[in-house]
Amino acid sequence: MSRLETKGQLEAKIAAAITQFEREHLGRGPQEVRAWIIQDLILVRLKRVLTPAEEKLARDPEGHRLVKDVRSQLIEGSRSILDIMVRDITGVQVVSLHSDISVETGERVFVFTLSDDLESRIGR
């Protein structure tokens, strides 16, 4: 992280990196991604992440559970990639990652917990 980068610039870099990750590792990128740095947290909201096949599968309860389980396993399997990506952009170590996906809205959220208060270290 460059000392000259603003909070907004870092948030945009994180959003772009998450979009690229989704495309490369999950086969499809979201329609919209926003990231927010909040003290020692990074919140990322992705819209329209489900594939057409996942949308169709999620119409029944068993498919709903299956889509959530598969997406959860994919993220767990890629956890180290996400941690390194965020660390490389921010210069701060990731302590934990929390994620969930809504098959009703097609949204996913990531919450990265950091080892330090990133917001206080950067410009506005």
C-alpha atoms as a PDB file:
ATOM      1  CA  MET A   1       0.000   0.000   0.000  1.00  0.00           C
ATOM      2  CA  SER A   2       1.341   3.363  -0.988  1.00  0.00           C
ATOM      3  CA  ARG A   3       1.092   6.110   1.634  1.00  0.00           C
ATOM      4  CA  LEU A   4      -0.503   8.342  -1.002  1.00  0.00           C
ATOM      5  CA  GLU A   5      -3.497   6.065  -1.560  1.00  0.00           C
ATOM      6  CA  THR A   6      -6.799   7.256  -0.165  1.00  0.00           C
ATOM      7  CA  LYS A   7      -9.424   5.137   1.486  1.00  0.00           C
ATOM      8  CA  GLY A   8     -11.532   5.290  -1.674  1.00  0.00           C
ATOM      9  CA  GLN A   9      -8.628   4.185  -3.857  1.00  0.00           C
ATOM     10  CA  LEU A  10      -7.901   1.192  -1.614  1.00  0.00           C
ATOM     11  CA  GLU A  11     -11.591   0.258  -1.530  1.00  0.00           C
ATOM     12  CA  ALA A  12     -11.677   0.376  -5.346  1.00  0.00           C
ATOM     13  CA  LYS A  13      -8.540  -1.813  -5.569  1.00  0.00           C
ATOM     14  CA  ILE A  14     -10.076  -4.359  -3.190  1.00  0.00           C
ATOM     15  CA  ALA A  15     -13.338  -4.416  -5.174  1.00  0.00           C
ATOM     16  CA  ALA A  16     -11.436  -4.931  -8.443  1.00  0.00           C
ATOM     17  CA  ALA A  17      -9.327  -7.725  -6.949  1.00  0.00           C
ATOM     18  CA  ILE A  18     -12.406  -9.524  -5.578  1.00  0.00           C
ATOM     19  CA  THR A  19     -14.063  -9.246  -8.996  1.00  0.00           C
ATOM     20  CA  GLN A  20     -10.998 -10.746 -10.648  1.00  0.00           C
ATOM     21  CA  PHE A  21     -10.875 -13.513  -8.020  1.00  0.00           C
ATOM     22  CA  GLU A  22     -14.538 -14.386  -8.652  1.00  0.00           C
ATOM     23  CA  ARG A  23     -13.950 -14.561 -12.408  1.00  0.00           C
ATOM     24  CA  GLU A  24     -10.769 -16.629 -12.200  1.00  0.00           C
ATOM     25  CA  HIS A  25     -11.652 -19.017  -9.384  1.00  0.00           C
ATOM     26  CA  LEU A  26     -15.433 -19.294  -9.505  1.00  0.00           C
ATOM     27  CA  GLY A  27     -16.010 -18.878 -13.232  1.00  0.00           C
ATOM     28  CA  ARG A  28     -18.105 -15.738 -13.189  1.00  0.00           C
ATOM     29  CA  GLY A  29     -17.732 -12.211 -11.936  1.00  0.00           C
ATOM     30  CA  PRO A  30     -20.403 -10.232 -10.109  1.00  0.00           C
ATOM     31  CA  GLN A  31     -22.310  -7.407 -11.788  1.00  0.00           C
ATOM     32  CA  GLU A  32     -21.391  -4.969  -9.048  1.00  0.00           C
ATOM     33  CA  VAL A  33     -18.873  -4.955  -6.194  1.00  0.00           C
ATOM     34  CA  ARG A  34     -18.392  -2.390  -3.434  1.00  0.00           C
ATOM     35  CA  ALA A  35     -15.831  -2.485  -0.646  1.00  0.00           C
ATOM     36  CA  TRP A  36     -15.685  -0.471   2.562  1.00  0.00           C
ATOM     37  CA  ILE A  37     -12.828  -0.132   5.018  1.00  0.00           C
ATOM     38  CA  ILE A  38     -14.218   0.235   8.538  1.00  0.00           C
ATOM     39  CA  GLN A  39     -11.495   0.428  11.184  1.00  0.00           C
ATOM     40  CA  ASP A  40     -10.018  -3.121  11.266  1.00  0.00           C
ATOM     41  CA  LEU A  41     -12.670  -4.584   8.938  1.00  0.00           C
ATOM     42  CA  ILE A  42     -13.149  -4.742   5.201  1.00  0.00           C
ATOM     43  CA  LEU A  43     -16.725  -5.307   4.083  1.00  0.00           C
ATOM     44  CA  VAL A  44     -17.267  -6.392   0.481  1.00  0.00           C
ATOM     45  CA  ARG A  45     -20.715  -6.679  -1.125  1.00  0.00           C
ATOM     46  CA  LEU A  46     -21.086  -8.440  -4.465  1.00  0.00           C
ATOM     47  CA  LYS A  47     -24.316  -8.333  -6.481  1.00  0.00           C
ATOM     48  CA  ARG A  48     -25.590 -10.909  -8.967  1.00  0.00           C
ATOM     49  CA  VAL A  49     -22.961 -13.572  -8.387  1.00  0.00           C
ATOM     50  CA  LEU A  50     -25.037 -16.658  -9.170  1.00  0.00           C
ATOM     51  CA  THR A  51     -24.795 -18.410 -12.505  1.00  0.00           C
ATOM     52  CA  PRO A  52     -28.060 -19.118 -14.380  1.00  0.00           C
ATOM     53  CA  ALA A  53     -27.688 -22.794 -13.444  1.00  0.00           C
ATOM     54  CA  GLU A  54     -27.312 -21.902  -9.737  1.00  0.00           C
ATOM     55  CA  GLU A  55     -30.355 -19.619  -9.920  1.00  0.00           C
ATOM     56  CA  LYS A  56     -32.413 -22.473 -11.356  1.00  0.00           C
ATOM     57  CA  LEU A  57     -31.048 -24.986  -8.852  1.00  0.00           C
ATOM     58  CA  ALA A  58     -31.785 -22.681  -5.912  1.00  0.00           C
ATOM     59  CA  ARG A  59     -35.530 -22.654  -6.637  1.00  0.00           C
ATOM     60  CA  ASP A  60     -36.109 -25.684  -4.426  1.00  0.00           C
ATOM     61  CA  PRO A  61     -34.985 -26.142  -0.795  1.00  0.00           C
ATOM     62  CA  GLU A  62     -32.439 -28.887  -1.502  1.00  0.00           C
ATOM     63  CA  GLY A  63     -30.900 -26.909  -4.361  1.00  0.00           C
ATOM     64  CA  HIS A  64     -30.849 -23.806  -2.165  1.00  0.00           C
ATOM     65  CA  ARG A  65     -28.774 -25.640   0.437  1.00  0.00           C
ATOM     66  CA  LEU A  66     -26.541 -27.195  -2.205  1.00  0.00           C
ATOM     67  CA  VAL A  67     -25.677 -23.847  -3.829  1.00  0.00           C
ATOM     68  CA  LYS A  68     -24.828 -22.313  -0.435  1.00  0.00           C
ATOM     69  CA  ASP A  69     -22.722 -25.328   0.578  1.00  0.00           C
ATOM     70  CA  VAL A  70     -20.776 -25.479  -2.691  1.00  0.00           C
ATOM     71  CA  ARG A  71     -20.081 -21.739  -2.694  1.00  0.00           C
ATOM     72  CA  SER A  72     -18.974 -21.918   0.939  1.00  0.00           C
ATOM     73  CA  GLN A  73     -16.581 -24.798   0.192  1.00  0.00           C
ATOM     74  CA  LEU A  74     -15.130 -22.950  -2.803  1.00  0.00           C
ATOM     75  CA  ILE A  75     -14.341 -19.928  -0.636  1.00  0.00           C
ATOM     76  CA  GLU A  76     -12.851 -22.034   2.150  1.00  0.00           C
ATOM     77  CA  GLY A  77     -10.626 -23.757  -0.411  1.00  0.00           C
ATOM     78  CA  SER A  78      -9.438 -20.381  -1.709  1.00  0.00           C
ATOM     79  CA  ARG A  79      -9.048 -18.692   1.664  1.00  0.00           C
ATOM     80  CA  SER A  80      -5.267 -18.338   1.451  1.00  0.00           C
ATOM     81  CA  ILE A  81      -5.548 -16.642  -1.966  1.00  0.00           C
ATOM     82  CA  LEU A  82      -8.016 -14.101  -0.585  1.00  0.00           C
ATOM     83  CA  ASP A  83      -5.894 -13.445   2.511  1.00  0.00           C
ATOM     84  CA  ILE A  84      -2.768 -12.810   0.449  1.00  0.00           C
ATOM     85  CA  MET A  85      -4.673 -10.626  -2.005  1.00  0.00           C
ATOM     86  CA  VAL A  86      -6.018  -8.368   0.753  1.00  0.00           C
ATOM     87  CA  ARG A  87      -2.661  -8.258   2.538  1.00  0.00           C
ATOM     88  CA  ASP A  88      -0.855  -7.295  -0.649  1.00  0.00           C
ATOM     89  CA  ILE A  89      -3.296  -4.450  -1.342  1.00  0.00           C
ATOM     90  CA  THR A  90      -3.554  -3.101   2.207  1.00  0.00           C
ATOM     91  CA  GLY A  91      -0.256  -4.037   3.844  1.00  0.00           C
ATOM     92  CA  VAL A  92      -2.224  -5.468   6.785  1.00  0.00           C
ATOM     93  CA  GLN A  93      -2.535  -9.146   7.736  1.00  0.00           C
ATOM     94  CA  VAL A  94      -5.971 -10.807   7.522  1.00  0.00           C
ATOM     95  CA  VAL A  95      -6.999 -12.448  10.808  1.00  0.00           C
ATOM     96  CA  SER A  96     -10.294 -13.993   9.690  1.00  0.00           C
ATOM     97  CA  LEU A  97     -12.695 -14.150   6.786  1.00  0.00           C
ATOM     98  CA  HIS A  98     -16.457 -14.471   7.046  1.00  0.00           C
ATOM     99  CA  SER A  99     -18.652 -15.011   4.011  1.00  0.00           C
ATOM    100  CA  ASP A 100     -22.258 -15.696   3.129  1.00  0.00           C
ATOM    101  CA  ILE A 101     -24.334 -15.809  -0.013  1.00  0.00           C
ATOM    102  CA  SER A 102     -28.031 -15.202  -0.496  1.00  0.00           C
ATOM    103  CA  VAL A 103     -29.528 -17.417  -3.172  1.00  0.00           C
ATOM    104  CA  GLU A 104     -32.676 -15.288  -3.049  1.00  0.00           C
ATOM    105  CA  THR A 105     -30.956 -12.026  -4.036  1.00  0.00           C
ATOM    106  CA  GLY A 106     -27.793 -13.365  -5.665  1.00  0.00           C
ATOM    107  CA  GLU A 107     -25.661 -11.279  -3.300  1.00  0.00           C
ATOM    108  CA  ARG A 108     -22.543 -12.335  -1.454  1.00  0.00           C
ATOM    109  CA  VAL A 109     -20.753 -10.580   1.375  1.00  0.00           C
ATOM    110  CA  PHE A 110     -17.220 -10.942   2.627  1.00  0.00           C
ATOM    111  CA  VAL A 111     -16.014  -9.541   5.925  1.00  0.00           C
ATOM    112  CA  PHE A 112     -12.262  -9.539   6.416  1.00  0.00           C
ATOM    113  CA  THR A 113     -11.014  -8.935   9.947  1.00  0.00           C
ATOM    114  CA  LEU A 114      -7.563  -7.349   9.951  1.00  0.00           C
ATOM    115  CA  SER A 115      -4.720  -7.394  12.468  1.00  0.00           C
ATOM    116  CA  ASP A 116      -4.624  -3.584  12.609  1.00  0.00           C
ATOM    117  CA  ASP A 117      -6.942  -0.585  12.216  1.00  0.00           C
ATOM    118  CA  LEU A 118      -6.403   0.098   8.516  1.00  0.00           C
ATOM    119  CA  GLU A 119      -8.802   3.045   8.404  1.00  0.00           C
ATOM    120  CA  SER A 120      -6.687   5.063  10.856  1.00  0.00           C
ATOM    121  CA  ARG A 121      -3.561   4.444   8.743  1.00  0.00           C
ATOM    122  CA  ILE A 122      -4.890   5.795   5.450  1.00  0.00           C
ATOM    123  CA  GLY A 123      -6.063   9.094   4.060  1.00  0.00           C
ATOM    124  CA  ARG A 124      -9.670   9.888   3.380  1.00  0.00           C
END
